[in-house]
Amino acid sequence: MSDSGISTFRPACLSAALCLSLLAGACGSERLSAPKAMPIPGCEELDIAACDTLNTDCQKSRLELAACLREAPVGKLPFVKVVTEQEYVDYINAFYESRQLMGTNHFEVAMTWLGLAQPGSFWFDPISPSDIADWFGTYRWREKDLFLIDHGKPADDDASNVALVAALIRALRDRDIDIGVWTTQVAVFDVDSNWGADAMYFGEARFFSNRYKAALEGRSSFDGLSQINDLIRQDIDWIRTQPSPYIATNERFAHNFGARAAYLAWQKGGVTAVNALFEDKLITQQLMATETEQGPVPALRYHAIPPVSDEWDRQPIVTAVGAWGLFLALSKNLDPEAAWALALNWSGEQLYVYKGAEPNLDETALVWQLEMADETSASALEEQLKAVDEAAQVGRTGTFVTLAVASNGSTLDWAFVDE
């Protein structure tokens, strides 16, 4: 799960998820005439006017607002670490450069076959201060701190205040459940569940901070669902047309899909229902399922681990990209609406990425096991997966579909299991 936008397989915004919590469009203290702020229902007694978010009193005031929006105790302000633009750049560059993978990135190769990446997508290019000129900062759940960037001017604009409230919403969620513990308890362990967990965590913050944003803009009503669905449609169009949709997903998927889940829960049962979402995790199929109500957990089914041959390492990467990853792969060759409808029939998955055994460590093999809701959708998926790669093998047993492909053209008959 992302922390400060740090992604498991690839950095971003420049790459993957740095944008998740850092972009605020902060523009300092100069303002055009702003609309008169409207009170937020339930928090009318609080002063919501924009203040300098680098100031401790302002941070405490925004914490009170975040707590009011979540109907939670205020508690103590998290530790605040303020850094210069150069210090932040040095931190990010050091973090990613220490984790740069040398040699063949087998996961990137697999994602390239599925149309979710391109060669070099997972490579980190160092950033400079000019790249973060409009970044605000974030809350880091591993360090339990607010990590803010001082751009050398007051951060008293509306966008900075909204970003601070969103960061503090995440801090309060972490205080309630301890994100690190929660991810273990609900089994956030693969790409699909990480995308879903990010959506829950960042989406809750987006939803509640949007209420504050609407008030600052002088809007007395908050038509959350219509607005969120419009933004989701924009996100879908943007992500699927990027050179590397996997990387683009890390940048754009979480906020609005997660905000919709939080909004739907809030409409049904208020903050109590939003809190109840975190009793489990959400996966991407649930987040995609409907625009008007929370989707149920699909009936997940899994199959036997492939008995890999001696040509391949016996410790593969094992993950799942979920219904969302399937949609992105299908939409490369299929009309987006048809791809969406077929992807919603996703009902379980295991994605195995193997590297070659010695001495062929640069070779890659992918085995993608997919369970579908019915034989009709499985048959349609079987035909679509044949377009993934001309060397790919595709097979189906009932509702169970398998794709297998290797960089050296090897036959992967061992990849096809019946149960």
Protein backbone atom coordinates (compact mmCIF):
# COMPACT_ATOMS: atom_id res chain seq x y z
CA MET A 1 0.00 0.00 0.00
CA SER A 2 1.24 3.47 -0.84
CA ASP A 3 2.92 5.62 1.78
CA SER A 4 3.72 9.15 0.66
CA GLY A 5 2.90 7.86 -2.78
CA ILE A 6 5.57 5.19 -2.68
CA SER A 7 4.60 2.26 -4.86
CA THR A 8 5.73 -1.34 -4.65
CA PHE A 9 6.82 -1.79 -8.24
CA ARG A 10 7.59 1.68 -9.54
CA PRO A 11 7.75 5.28 -8.38
CA ALA A 12 5.41 7.72 -9.97
CA CYS A 13 3.74 10.92 -10.68
CA LEU A 14 7.00 10.99 -12.40
CA SER A 15 6.20 7.39 -12.34
CA ALA A 16 3.56 5.98 -10.07
CA ALA A 17 1.92 7.22 -6.92
CA LEU A 18 3.73 10.30 -5.71
CA CYS A 19 0.79 12.34 -6.94
CA LEU A 20 -1.57 10.46 -4.65
CA SER A 21 -0.92 12.75 -1.77
CA LEU A 22 1.49 15.45 -2.84
CA LEU A 23 -0.11 17.56 -5.53
CA ALA A 24 -1.96 20.52 -4.13
CA GLY A 25 -1.56 23.18 -6.76
CA ALA A 26 -0.31 25.42 -3.98
CA CYS A 27 0.06 28.94 -5.25
CA GLY A 28 1.01 31.02 -2.21
CA SER A 29 -0.73 33.97 -0.69
CA GLU A 30 -1.74 35.90 -3.79
CA ARG A 31 -5.48 35.52 -4.45
CA LEU A 32 -8.06 36.93 -6.75
CA SER A 33 -11.33 37.88 -5.07
CA ALA A 34 -12.62 34.62 -3.59
CA PRO A 35 -16.23 33.63 -3.00
CA LYS A 36 -17.48 33.86 0.55
CA ALA A 37 -16.93 30.54 2.30
CA MET A 38 -20.04 28.65 3.38
CA PRO A 39 -20.28 26.84 6.72
CA ILE A 40 -19.93 23.06 6.64
CA PRO A 41 -23.00 21.31 8.09
CA GLY A 42 -22.06 19.86 11.47
CA CYS A 43 -18.92 22.01 11.73
CA GLU A 44 -20.50 25.46 11.65
CA GLU A 45 -18.66 26.64 14.77
CA LEU A 46 -15.23 26.21 13.18
CA ASP A 47 -13.35 28.94 11.31
CA ILE A 48 -12.65 27.36 7.93
CA ALA A 49 -11.03 30.38 6.27
CA ALA A 50 -7.72 29.56 4.59
CA CYS A 51 -4.64 30.05 6.77
CA ASP A 52 -0.90 29.49 6.37
CA THR A 53 -0.56 25.71 6.49
CA LEU A 54 3.10 25.97 7.51
CA ASN A 55 1.99 27.64 10.73
CA THR A 56 1.36 25.43 13.79
CA ASP A 57 -1.84 27.23 14.77
CA CYS A 58 -3.21 26.70 11.26
CA GLN A 59 -2.27 23.02 11.36
CA LYS A 60 -4.11 22.62 14.67
CA SER A 61 -7.14 24.42 13.25
CA ARG A 62 -7.22 22.14 10.19
CA LEU A 63 -6.87 19.11 12.48
CA GLU A 64 -10.00 20.26 14.34
CA LEU A 65 -11.79 20.53 11.01
CA ALA A 66 -10.61 17.11 9.82
CA ALA A 67 -11.76 15.58 13.11
CA CYS A 68 -15.13 17.31 12.85
CA LEU A 69 -15.66 16.05 9.30
CA ARG A 70 -14.92 12.51 10.49
CA GLU A 71 -16.84 12.97 13.75
CA ALA A 72 -13.72 11.88 15.61
CA PRO A 73 -11.79 13.17 18.64
CA VAL A 74 -9.24 15.82 17.73
CA GLY A 75 -6.30 14.45 19.68
CA LYS A 76 -2.76 15.66 19.17
CA LEU A 77 -1.32 17.07 15.98
CA PRO A 78 1.05 14.54 14.35
CA PHE A 79 4.74 15.40 14.34
CA VAL A 80 5.35 17.93 11.57
CA LYS A 81 8.51 17.79 9.47
CA VAL A 82 9.02 20.75 7.15
CA VAL A 83 11.69 20.49 4.43
CA THR A 84 12.94 22.69 1.62
CA GLU A 85 12.32 21.79 -2.01
CA GLN A 86 15.91 20.55 -2.33
CA GLU A 87 15.68 18.45 0.83
CA TYR A 88 12.51 16.84 -0.44
CA VAL A 89 14.05 16.13 -3.84
CA ASP A 90 17.10 14.57 -2.16
CA TYR A 91 14.82 12.38 -0.03
CA ILE A 92 12.83 11.09 -3.01
CA ASN A 93 15.85 10.53 -5.23
CA ALA A 94 17.73 8.66 -2.50
CA PHE A 95 14.71 6.51 -1.74
CA TYR A 96 14.21 5.34 -5.30
CA GLU A 97 17.82 5.13 -6.37
CA SER A 98 18.52 2.77 -3.47
CA ARG A 99 15.76 0.50 -4.78
CA GLN A 100 16.55 0.73 -8.48
CA LEU A 101 16.44 -2.74 -9.98
CA MET A 102 19.44 -3.61 -12.12
CA GLY A 103 19.14 -6.15 -14.91
CA THR A 104 15.89 -7.49 -16.31
CA ASN A 105 12.74 -6.31 -14.56
CA HIS A 106 10.63 -9.41 -15.08
CA PHE A 107 7.47 -7.82 -13.73
CA GLU A 108 7.83 -4.95 -16.19
CA VAL A 109 8.27 -7.46 -19.02
CA ALA A 110 5.05 -9.21 -17.97
CA MET A 111 3.13 -5.94 -17.75
CA THR A 112 4.43 -4.99 -21.18
CA TRP A 113 2.98 -8.19 -22.64
CA LEU A 114 -0.40 -7.26 -21.14
CA GLY A 115 -0.23 -3.73 -22.54
CA LEU A 116 0.03 -2.20 -19.07
CA ALA A 117 3.60 -0.91 -19.40
CA GLN A 118 6.38 -0.22 -21.88
CA PRO A 119 10.07 -1.07 -21.66
CA GLY A 120 11.64 1.31 -19.16
CA SER A 121 8.33 2.20 -17.48
CA PHE A 122 9.55 1.05 -14.09
CA TRP A 123 12.85 2.92 -14.27
CA PHE A 124 13.18 5.95 -11.98
CA ASP A 125 14.45 9.23 -13.39
CA PRO A 126 15.72 11.62 -10.68
CA ILE A 127 13.60 14.68 -10.03
CA SER A 128 14.65 18.31 -9.51
CA PRO A 129 13.14 21.15 -7.45
CA SER A 130 11.31 22.47 -10.50
CA ASP A 131 9.38 19.18 -10.68
CA ILE A 132 7.81 19.77 -7.26
CA ALA A 133 7.04 23.48 -7.50
CA ASP A 134 3.32 22.87 -6.85
CA TRP A 135 3.58 19.94 -4.44
CA PHE A 136 2.27 20.45 -0.94
CA GLY A 137 3.36 17.51 1.17
CA THR A 138 1.76 14.44 2.69
CA TYR A 139 1.08 12.37 5.76
CA ARG A 140 3.39 9.35 6.03
CA TRP A 141 1.80 6.45 7.88
CA ARG A 142 5.07 4.61 8.37
CA GLU A 143 6.76 7.60 10.03
CA LYS A 144 3.51 8.93 11.57
CA ASP A 145 4.31 12.47 10.49
CA LEU A 146 3.15 15.34 8.34
CA PHE A 147 5.86 15.84 5.74
CA LEU A 148 5.47 19.33 4.29
CA ILE A 149 7.42 21.25 1.67
CA ASP A 150 8.40 24.89 2.32
CA HIS A 151 8.47 26.65 -1.04
CA GLY A 152 9.82 29.84 0.50
CA LYS A 153 6.45 31.61 0.66
CA PRO A 154 3.26 31.31 2.72
CA ALA A 155 1.13 28.28 1.94
CA ASP A 156 -2.13 30.06 2.74
CA ASP A 157 -4.08 29.39 -0.46
CA ASP A 158 -7.26 27.30 -0.56
CA ALA A 159 -5.57 24.36 -2.31
CA SER A 160 -2.94 24.05 0.41
CA ASN A 161 -5.61 24.11 3.10
CA VAL A 162 -7.65 21.42 1.35
CA ALA A 163 -4.50 19.32 0.91
CA LEU A 164 -3.66 19.69 4.61
CA VAL A 165 -7.16 18.61 5.64
CA ALA A 166 -6.88 15.58 3.35
CA ALA A 167 -3.51 14.67 4.87
CA LEU A 168 -4.96 14.99 8.36
CA ILE A 169 -7.96 12.82 7.43
CA ARG A 170 -5.42 10.13 6.54
CA ALA A 171 -3.57 10.75 9.81
CA LEU A 172 -6.80 10.28 11.76
CA ARG A 173 -7.57 7.06 9.88
CA ASP A 174 -4.09 5.80 10.69
CA ARG A 175 -4.59 6.75 14.33
CA ASP A 176 -7.84 4.76 14.40
CA ILE A 177 -6.67 1.52 12.80
CA ASP A 178 -2.87 1.71 12.31
CA ILE A 179 -2.55 1.34 8.54
CA GLY A 180 0.43 -1.01 8.76
CA VAL A 181 -1.44 -3.40 11.05
CA TRP A 182 -4.66 -3.10 9.06
CA THR A 183 -3.04 -4.07 5.76
CA THR A 184 -1.85 -7.30 7.38
CA GLN A 185 -5.17 -8.03 9.07
CA VAL A 186 -7.23 -7.69 5.89
CA ALA A 187 -4.56 -9.27 3.64
CA VAL A 188 -3.46 -6.42 1.38
CA PHE A 189 -0.81 -8.42 -0.45
CA ASP A 190 -1.10 -8.08 -4.22
CA VAL A 191 -1.43 -5.29 -6.78
CA ASP A 192 -5.23 -5.52 -6.90
CA SER A 193 -5.70 -5.26 -3.14
CA ASN A 194 -3.06 -2.51 -2.95
CA TRP A 195 -4.97 -0.48 -5.53
CA GLY A 196 -8.15 -1.12 -3.54
CA ALA A 197 -6.54 -0.21 -0.20
CA ASP A 198 -5.07 2.98 -1.66
CA ALA A 199 -8.55 3.87 -2.93
CA MET A 200 -10.02 3.39 0.54
CA TYR A 201 -7.30 5.40 2.29
CA PHE A 202 -6.87 8.24 -0.18
CA GLY A 203 -10.51 8.19 -1.30
CA GLU A 204 -11.86 8.78 2.20
CA ALA A 205 -9.55 11.79 2.47
CA ARG A 206 -10.61 13.04 -0.97
CA PHE A 207 -14.31 12.75 -0.09
CA PHE A 208 -14.16 14.59 3.23
CA SER A 209 -11.72 17.24 2.00
CA ASN A 210 -14.02 17.81 -1.02
CA ARG A 211 -16.72 18.87 1.44
CA TYR A 212 -14.29 21.47 2.76
CA LYS A 213 -13.32 22.52 -0.75
CA ALA A 214 -16.98 23.04 -1.67
CA ALA A 215 -17.46 25.24 1.39
CA LEU A 216 -14.40 27.36 0.54
CA GLU A 217 -15.78 27.82 -2.96
CA GLY A 218 -19.04 29.14 -1.50
CA ARG A 219 -21.15 26.18 -2.53
CA SER A 220 -24.00 25.56 -0.08
CA SER A 221 -24.75 22.13 -1.54
CA PHE A 222 -22.41 19.26 -2.31
CA ASP A 223 -23.47 17.09 -5.28
CA GLY A 224 -20.77 14.58 -4.52
CA LEU A 225 -21.82 11.55 -6.55
CA SER A 226 -22.38 13.30 -9.87
CA GLN A 227 -19.11 15.17 -9.53
CA ILE A 228 -17.14 12.09 -8.51
CA ASN A 229 -18.56 9.95 -11.33
CA ASP A 230 -17.60 12.61 -13.87
CA LEU A 231 -14.05 12.62 -12.50
CA ILE A 232 -13.90 8.82 -12.57
CA ARG A 233 -14.86 8.79 -16.23
CA GLN A 234 -12.07 11.31 -16.91
CA ASP A 235 -9.62 9.16 -14.93
CA ILE A 236 -10.58 6.04 -16.90
CA ASP A 237 -10.10 7.76 -20.25
CA TRP A 238 -6.77 9.24 -19.18
CA ILE A 239 -5.32 6.08 -17.61
CA ARG A 240 -6.15 3.74 -20.46
CA THR A 241 -4.62 6.05 -23.08
CA GLN A 242 -1.29 6.52 -21.28
CA PRO A 243 1.80 4.71 -22.57
CA SER A 244 1.95 2.79 -19.29
CA PRO A 245 -1.54 2.32 -17.80
CA TYR A 246 -0.09 0.46 -14.80
CA ILE A 247 1.94 3.54 -13.85
CA ALA A 248 -0.97 5.84 -14.65
CA THR A 249 -3.22 3.78 -12.37
CA ASN A 250 -0.93 4.48 -9.45
CA GLU A 251 -1.30 8.17 -10.18
CA ARG A 252 -5.03 8.51 -10.82
CA PHE A 253 -7.08 5.48 -9.76
CA ALA A 254 -7.24 5.79 -5.98
CA HIS A 255 -8.66 9.24 -5.26
CA ASN A 256 -11.96 9.28 -7.11
CA PHE A 257 -12.84 5.58 -7.12
CA GLY A 258 -12.18 5.63 -3.38
CA ALA A 259 -14.08 8.88 -2.87
CA ARG A 260 -17.11 7.28 -4.50
CA ALA A 261 -16.93 4.31 -2.14
CA ALA A 262 -16.69 6.67 0.85
CA TYR A 263 -19.52 8.87 -0.44
CA LEU A 264 -21.85 5.91 -1.02
CA ALA A 265 -21.14 4.59 2.46
CA TRP A 266 -21.62 8.07 3.98
CA GLN A 267 -24.95 8.51 2.21
CA LYS A 268 -26.13 5.18 3.54
CA GLY A 269 -24.98 5.42 7.14
CA GLY A 270 -22.84 8.49 7.77
CA VAL A 271 -19.36 8.31 9.24
CA THR A 272 -20.20 5.01 10.95
CA ALA A 273 -20.68 3.38 7.54
CA VAL A 274 -17.44 4.91 6.23
CA ASN A 275 -15.61 3.46 9.23
CA ALA A 276 -17.24 0.09 8.56
CA LEU A 277 -15.58 -0.05 5.14
CA PHE A 278 -12.26 -0.58 6.92
CA GLU A 279 -13.48 -3.74 8.63
CA ASP A 280 -12.25 -5.44 5.45
CA LYS A 281 -10.58 -4.42 2.21
CA LEU A 282 -12.02 -3.48 -1.17
CA ILE A 283 -10.71 -4.84 -4.46
CA THR A 284 -10.94 -3.12 -7.80
CA GLN A 285 -13.90 -5.18 -9.04
CA GLN A 286 -16.00 -3.82 -6.16
CA LEU A 287 -14.89 -0.26 -6.86
CA MET A 288 -15.78 -0.64 -10.55
CA ALA A 289 -19.04 -2.55 -10.16
CA THR A 290 -21.59 0.28 -10.08
CA GLU A 291 -21.85 4.05 -10.10
CA THR A 292 -24.66 4.17 -7.55
CA GLU A 293 -24.00 1.59 -4.84
CA GLN A 294 -21.13 -0.32 -3.28
CA GLY A 295 -20.44 -3.58 -5.10
CA PRO A 296 -20.38 -6.85 -3.11
CA VAL A 297 -17.31 -9.05 -2.93
CA PRO A 298 -17.39 -11.35 -5.99
CA ALA A 299 -17.35 -15.10 -5.42
CA LEU A 300 -13.58 -15.55 -5.68
CA ARG A 301 -12.19 -18.86 -6.92
CA TYR A 302 -8.54 -19.88 -7.24
CA HIS A 303 -6.70 -22.79 -8.83
CA ALA A 304 -3.64 -24.96 -8.38
CA ILE A 305 -0.13 -23.53 -8.53
CA PRO A 306 1.45 -24.44 -11.88
CA PRO A 307 4.08 -27.22 -11.61
CA VAL A 308 6.88 -25.15 -13.13
CA SER A 309 9.52 -26.85 -15.25
CA ASP A 310 13.26 -26.82 -14.45
CA GLU A 311 13.76 -24.14 -17.11
CA TRP A 312 12.32 -21.55 -14.72
CA ASP A 313 13.03 -20.33 -11.22
CA ARG A 314 10.67 -21.91 -8.68
CA GLN A 315 10.06 -18.72 -6.70
CA PRO A 316 7.99 -16.48 -8.98
CA ILE A 317 6.38 -13.15 -8.26
CA VAL A 318 2.77 -14.03 -7.39
CA THR A 319 0.20 -11.27 -7.57
CA ALA A 320 -3.09 -10.19 -9.16
CA VAL A 321 -4.03 -7.08 -11.11
CA GLY A 322 -7.75 -7.62 -10.58
CA ALA A 323 -10.71 -6.57 -12.65
CA TRP A 324 -9.12 -3.16 -13.23
CA GLY A 325 -5.92 -4.63 -14.64
CA LEU A 326 -7.98 -6.99 -16.80
CA PHE A 327 -10.01 -4.05 -18.13
CA LEU A 328 -6.85 -2.16 -19.06
CA ALA A 329 -5.42 -5.19 -20.85
CA LEU A 330 -8.67 -5.88 -22.73
CA SER A 331 -9.21 -2.25 -23.72
CA LYS A 332 -6.03 -2.34 -25.81
CA ASN A 333 -7.86 -4.38 -28.44
CA LEU A 334 -11.51 -4.13 -27.43
CA ASP A 335 -14.02 -1.29 -27.26
CA PRO A 336 -13.73 0.22 -23.74
CA GLU A 337 -17.40 -0.40 -22.87
CA ALA A 338 -17.16 -4.03 -23.95
CA ALA A 339 -13.86 -4.41 -22.11
CA TRP A 340 -15.43 -2.95 -18.95
CA ALA A 341 -18.43 -5.28 -19.13
CA LEU A 342 -16.22 -8.33 -19.62
CA ALA A 343 -13.80 -7.30 -16.85
CA LEU A 344 -16.66 -7.02 -14.35
CA ASN A 345 -17.09 -10.79 -14.72
CA TRP A 346 -13.64 -11.27 -13.15
CA SER A 347 -13.97 -13.70 -10.24
CA GLY A 348 -10.45 -14.46 -9.05
CA GLU A 349 -6.91 -14.48 -10.36
CA GLN A 350 -3.33 -15.51 -9.81
CA LEU A 351 -0.61 -13.90 -11.92
CA TYR A 352 2.80 -15.62 -11.84
CA VAL A 353 5.98 -13.99 -13.19
CA TYR A 354 9.01 -16.28 -13.48
CA LYS A 355 12.63 -15.52 -14.24
CA GLY A 356 14.73 -18.08 -16.04
CA ALA A 357 16.80 -20.59 -14.11
CA GLU A 358 20.60 -20.41 -14.32
CA PRO A 359 22.18 -19.49 -16.68
CA ASN A 360 19.19 -17.83 -18.39
CA LEU A 361 18.25 -15.34 -15.66
CA ASP A 362 17.20 -12.66 -18.16
CA GLU A 363 14.37 -14.77 -19.59
CA THR A 364 10.81 -14.13 -18.38
CA ALA A 365 7.66 -16.24 -18.30
CA LEU A 366 4.13 -15.14 -17.43
CA VAL A 367 1.29 -17.40 -16.34
CA TRP A 368 -2.02 -15.59 -15.83
CA GLN A 369 -4.80 -17.65 -14.26
CA LEU A 370 -8.24 -16.02 -14.45
CA GLU A 371 -11.54 -17.25 -13.09
CA MET A 372 -14.67 -15.75 -14.65
CA ALA A 373 -18.24 -15.57 -13.37
CA ASP A 374 -19.68 -17.84 -16.09
CA GLU A 375 -18.66 -19.83 -19.17
CA THR A 376 -19.95 -17.20 -21.57
CA SER A 377 -17.61 -14.54 -20.22
CA ALA A 378 -14.77 -17.09 -19.93
CA SER A 379 -15.18 -18.02 -23.59
CA ALA A 380 -15.15 -14.36 -24.60
CA LEU A 381 -12.05 -13.76 -22.48
CA GLU A 382 -10.28 -16.73 -24.03
CA GLU A 383 -10.70 -15.20 -27.49
CA GLN A 384 -9.55 -11.76 -26.37
CA LEU A 385 -6.42 -13.05 -24.64
CA LYS A 386 -5.24 -14.63 -27.85
CA ALA A 387 -4.51 -11.10 -29.05
CA VAL A 388 -2.11 -10.37 -26.16
CA ASP A 389 0.95 -11.80 -27.89
CA GLU A 390 1.33 -13.96 -30.99
CA ALA A 391 3.50 -16.36 -29.03
CA ALA A 392 1.04 -16.64 -26.12
CA GLN A 393 -0.71 -19.89 -25.28
CA VAL A 394 -4.31 -19.58 -24.10
CA GLY A 395 -6.51 -22.33 -22.71
CA ARG A 396 -9.86 -22.66 -20.98
CA THR A 397 -11.56 -25.22 -18.77
CA GLY A 398 -15.12 -24.14 -18.03
CA THR A 399 -14.91 -20.73 -16.35
CA PHE A 400 -11.14 -20.97 -15.83
CA VAL A 401 -8.88 -19.26 -18.40
CA THR A 402 -5.07 -19.37 -18.51
CA LEU A 403 -2.63 -17.32 -20.55
CA ALA A 404 1.05 -18.31 -20.73
CA VAL A 405 3.90 -16.65 -22.61
CA ALA A 406 7.70 -16.81 -22.41
CA SER A 407 10.36 -14.44 -23.70
CA ASN A 408 12.38 -17.31 -25.20
CA GLY A 409 9.38 -18.78 -27.00
CA SER A 410 9.33 -21.90 -24.84
CA THR A 411 6.20 -24.00 -24.73
CA LEU A 412 4.64 -23.67 -21.31
CA ASP A 413 2.37 -26.69 -21.24
CA TRP A 414 3.06 -27.07 -17.50
CA ALA A 415 1.21 -23.78 -16.91
CA PHE A 416 -2.18 -25.28 -17.70
CA VAL A 417 -3.82 -26.91 -14.68
CA ASP A 418 -7.41 -28.12 -14.52
CA GLU A 419 -8.18 -27.47 -10.87
